[in-house]
């Protein structure tokens, strides 16, 4: 996948559909992928899904190499690891926030619907354009509490 906005768009579609189907939200809600500090959109409540951190997944980094690629040697050659042919596994961290001009109740209702929708769609298959056509990728969605070190770095960055 060459475009990370495909992931944000897929998650936004899930959130928009969940908010439209929810009986909790009897008010206008705008769903954005923009930074939460952007000005309000004129809706009763704004839900932001902001991609704030990208890192290589350290647990899946080497999991795709098979034993043959590590032990087979060409005649007179050395072992090599086919890094360029392996998928790049990334951890994308999104900040989900709600902002209402009128009421904290609206913010919490929107957040409730959003978190439930993301929980219900824990695995998502995406079709994304590539240099050679279309590629199907799979992503998993889950809530994760950041460590204190990550929180302090985020606080310093903001």
Protein backbone atom coordinates (compact mmCIF):
# COMPACT_ATOMS: atom_id res chain seq x y z
CA UNK A 1 0.00 0.00 0.00
CA UNK A 2 1.45 3.33 -1.06
CA UNK A 3 -1.15 5.65 0.44
CA UNK A 4 -1.88 5.65 4.19
CA UNK A 5 -4.94 7.84 3.66
CA UNK A 6 -6.69 4.68 2.40
CA UNK A 7 -6.63 3.40 5.99
CA UNK A 8 -7.96 6.66 7.40
CA UNK A 9 -10.73 6.76 4.77
CA UNK A 10 -11.77 3.17 5.57
CA UNK A 11 -11.96 3.93 9.28
CA UNK A 12 -13.87 7.17 8.60
CA UNK A 13 -16.45 5.25 6.52
CA UNK A 14 -16.96 2.80 9.39
CA UNK A 15 -17.46 5.66 11.84
CA UNK A 16 -19.82 7.58 9.56
CA UNK A 17 -21.99 4.50 8.98
CA UNK A 18 -22.09 3.72 12.70
CA UNK A 19 -23.05 7.29 13.60
CA UNK A 20 -25.81 7.34 10.96
CA UNK A 21 -27.24 4.07 12.26
CA UNK A 22 -27.00 4.98 15.94
CA UNK A 23 -30.08 6.06 17.90
CA UNK A 24 -27.81 8.02 20.28
CA UNK A 25 -26.85 10.73 17.85
CA UNK A 26 -29.91 12.85 17.09
CA UNK A 27 -27.66 15.77 16.15
CA UNK A 28 -25.26 16.57 13.32
CA UNK A 29 -21.81 15.00 13.55
CA UNK A 30 -18.87 15.70 11.27
CA UNK A 31 -16.17 13.00 10.99
CA UNK A 32 -12.74 14.25 10.00
CA UNK A 33 -9.25 12.89 9.57
CA UNK A 34 -7.78 16.32 10.36
CA UNK A 35 -5.77 17.33 13.40
CA UNK A 36 -8.08 17.89 16.41
CA UNK A 37 -6.99 21.52 16.68
CA UNK A 38 -8.63 22.37 13.34
CA UNK A 39 -11.56 24.76 13.68
CA UNK A 40 -15.03 23.23 14.13
CA UNK A 41 -16.93 22.39 10.96
CA UNK A 42 -20.26 23.91 11.95
CA UNK A 43 -21.80 20.62 13.09
CA UNK A 44 -23.20 20.08 16.57
CA UNK A 45 -20.25 17.77 17.27
CA UNK A 46 -16.99 16.98 15.49
CA UNK A 47 -15.29 13.58 15.64
CA UNK A 48 -11.62 13.52 14.70
CA UNK A 49 -9.67 10.44 13.65
CA UNK A 50 -6.10 11.73 13.51
CA UNK A 51 -3.12 9.59 12.46
CA UNK A 52 -0.46 10.82 14.86
CA UNK A 53 2.20 8.10 14.94
CA UNK A 54 3.60 5.48 12.56
CA UNK A 55 6.11 2.81 13.54
CA UNK A 56 7.36 -0.44 12.11
CA UNK A 57 5.82 -3.41 13.92
CA UNK A 58 8.72 -4.93 15.83
CA UNK A 59 6.91 -8.23 16.38
CA UNK A 60 6.11 -8.92 12.72
CA UNK A 61 9.28 -7.43 11.28
CA UNK A 62 11.01 -10.76 10.60
CA UNK A 63 8.11 -13.19 10.84
CA UNK A 64 7.65 -13.67 7.09
CA UNK A 65 11.11 -15.05 6.38
CA UNK A 66 11.00 -18.77 5.89
CA UNK A 67 13.69 -21.18 6.96
CA UNK A 68 14.71 -21.97 3.37
CA UNK A 69 15.60 -18.37 2.62
CA UNK A 70 17.87 -18.30 5.66
CA UNK A 71 19.64 -21.66 5.15
CA UNK A 72 19.81 -22.19 1.37
CA UNK A 73 22.99 -20.81 -0.12
CA UNK A 74 23.80 -20.37 -3.75
CA UNK A 75 26.94 -22.20 -4.90
CA UNK A 76 29.84 -20.37 -3.29
CA UNK A 77 27.54 -17.62 -1.99
CA UNK A 78 26.37 -16.47 1.37
CA UNK A 79 22.97 -16.45 2.98
CA UNK A 80 20.77 -13.50 2.30
CA UNK A 81 17.51 -12.24 3.69
CA UNK A 82 15.02 -11.16 1.01
CA UNK A 83 14.01 -7.96 2.78
CA UNK A 84 12.78 -6.19 -0.34
CA UNK A 85 10.22 -8.92 -0.97
CA UNK A 86 8.76 -8.99 2.52
CA UNK A 87 5.69 -6.98 3.53
CA UNK A 88 6.26 -3.86 5.58
CA UNK A 89 4.17 -4.24 8.73
CA UNK A 90 3.30 -0.92 10.32
CA UNK A 91 1.63 0.17 13.52
CA UNK A 92 -0.58 3.18 12.86
CA UNK A 93 -1.73 5.04 15.93
CA UNK A 94 -4.82 7.17 15.67
CA UNK A 95 -6.09 9.71 18.14
CA UNK A 96 -9.89 9.65 18.32
CA UNK A 97 -11.40 12.77 19.85
CA UNK A 98 -14.75 14.51 19.92
CA UNK A 99 -15.51 18.20 20.31
CA UNK A 100 -18.90 19.75 20.81
CA UNK A 101 -19.80 23.40 21.12
CA UNK A 102 -22.90 22.60 23.13
CA UNK A 103 -22.53 19.65 25.45
CA UNK A 104 -20.13 17.11 26.90
CA UNK A 105 -22.99 14.61 26.58
CA UNK A 106 -22.82 14.86 22.78
CA UNK A 107 -19.06 14.34 22.86
CA UNK A 108 -19.37 11.24 25.03
CA UNK A 109 -22.22 9.80 22.97
CA UNK A 110 -20.23 10.25 19.76
CA UNK A 111 -17.14 8.69 21.37
CA UNK A 112 -19.25 5.75 22.62
CA UNK A 113 -20.56 5.05 19.13
CA UNK A 114 -17.11 5.48 17.57
CA UNK A 115 -15.31 3.17 19.98
CA UNK A 116 -18.02 0.53 19.65
CA UNK A 117 -17.80 0.71 15.84
CA UNK A 118 -14.03 0.30 15.87
CA UNK A 119 -14.36 -2.62 18.29
CA UNK A 120 -16.96 -4.29 16.07
CA UNK A 121 -14.70 -3.99 13.00
CA UNK A 122 -11.53 -5.46 14.49
CA UNK A 123 -10.30 -6.85 11.15
CA UNK A 124 -10.64 -4.87 7.95
CA UNK A 125 -9.66 -5.88 4.42
CA UNK A 126 -8.59 -3.00 2.19
CA UNK A 127 -8.08 -2.81 -1.54
CA UNK A 128 -5.45 -0.23 -2.33
CA UNK A 129 -3.85 0.91 -5.58
CA UNK A 130 -0.22 -0.08 -6.13
CA UNK A 131 2.31 0.42 -8.89
CA UNK A 132 1.24 -2.88 -10.49
CA UNK A 133 -2.53 -2.67 -9.96
CA UNK A 134 -4.63 -3.41 -6.90
CA UNK A 135 -3.45 -5.10 -3.69
CA UNK A 136 -5.51 -6.46 -0.85
CA UNK A 137 -4.22 -5.66 2.62
CA UNK A 138 -5.57 -6.68 5.97
CA UNK A 139 -5.43 -4.60 9.10
CA UNK A 140 -6.49 -5.17 12.66
CA UNK A 141 -7.92 -2.46 14.86
CA UNK A 142 -7.52 -2.49 18.59
CA UNK A 143 -7.25 -0.13 21.52
CA UNK A 144 -3.87 0.09 23.14
CA UNK A 145 -2.80 2.13 26.10
CA UNK A 146 0.45 3.94 25.34
CA UNK A 147 3.36 3.62 27.76
CA UNK A 148 4.34 6.51 30.01
CA UNK A 149 7.34 7.16 27.80
CA UNK A 150 5.14 7.42 24.71
CA UNK A 151 2.68 9.68 26.51
CA UNK A 152 5.44 12.03 27.64
CA UNK A 153 6.85 12.22 24.07
CA UNK A 154 3.35 12.93 22.72
CA UNK A 155 2.80 15.61 25.35
CA UNK A 156 6.10 17.27 24.43
CA UNK A 157 5.24 17.13 20.73
CA UNK A 158 1.84 18.78 21.25
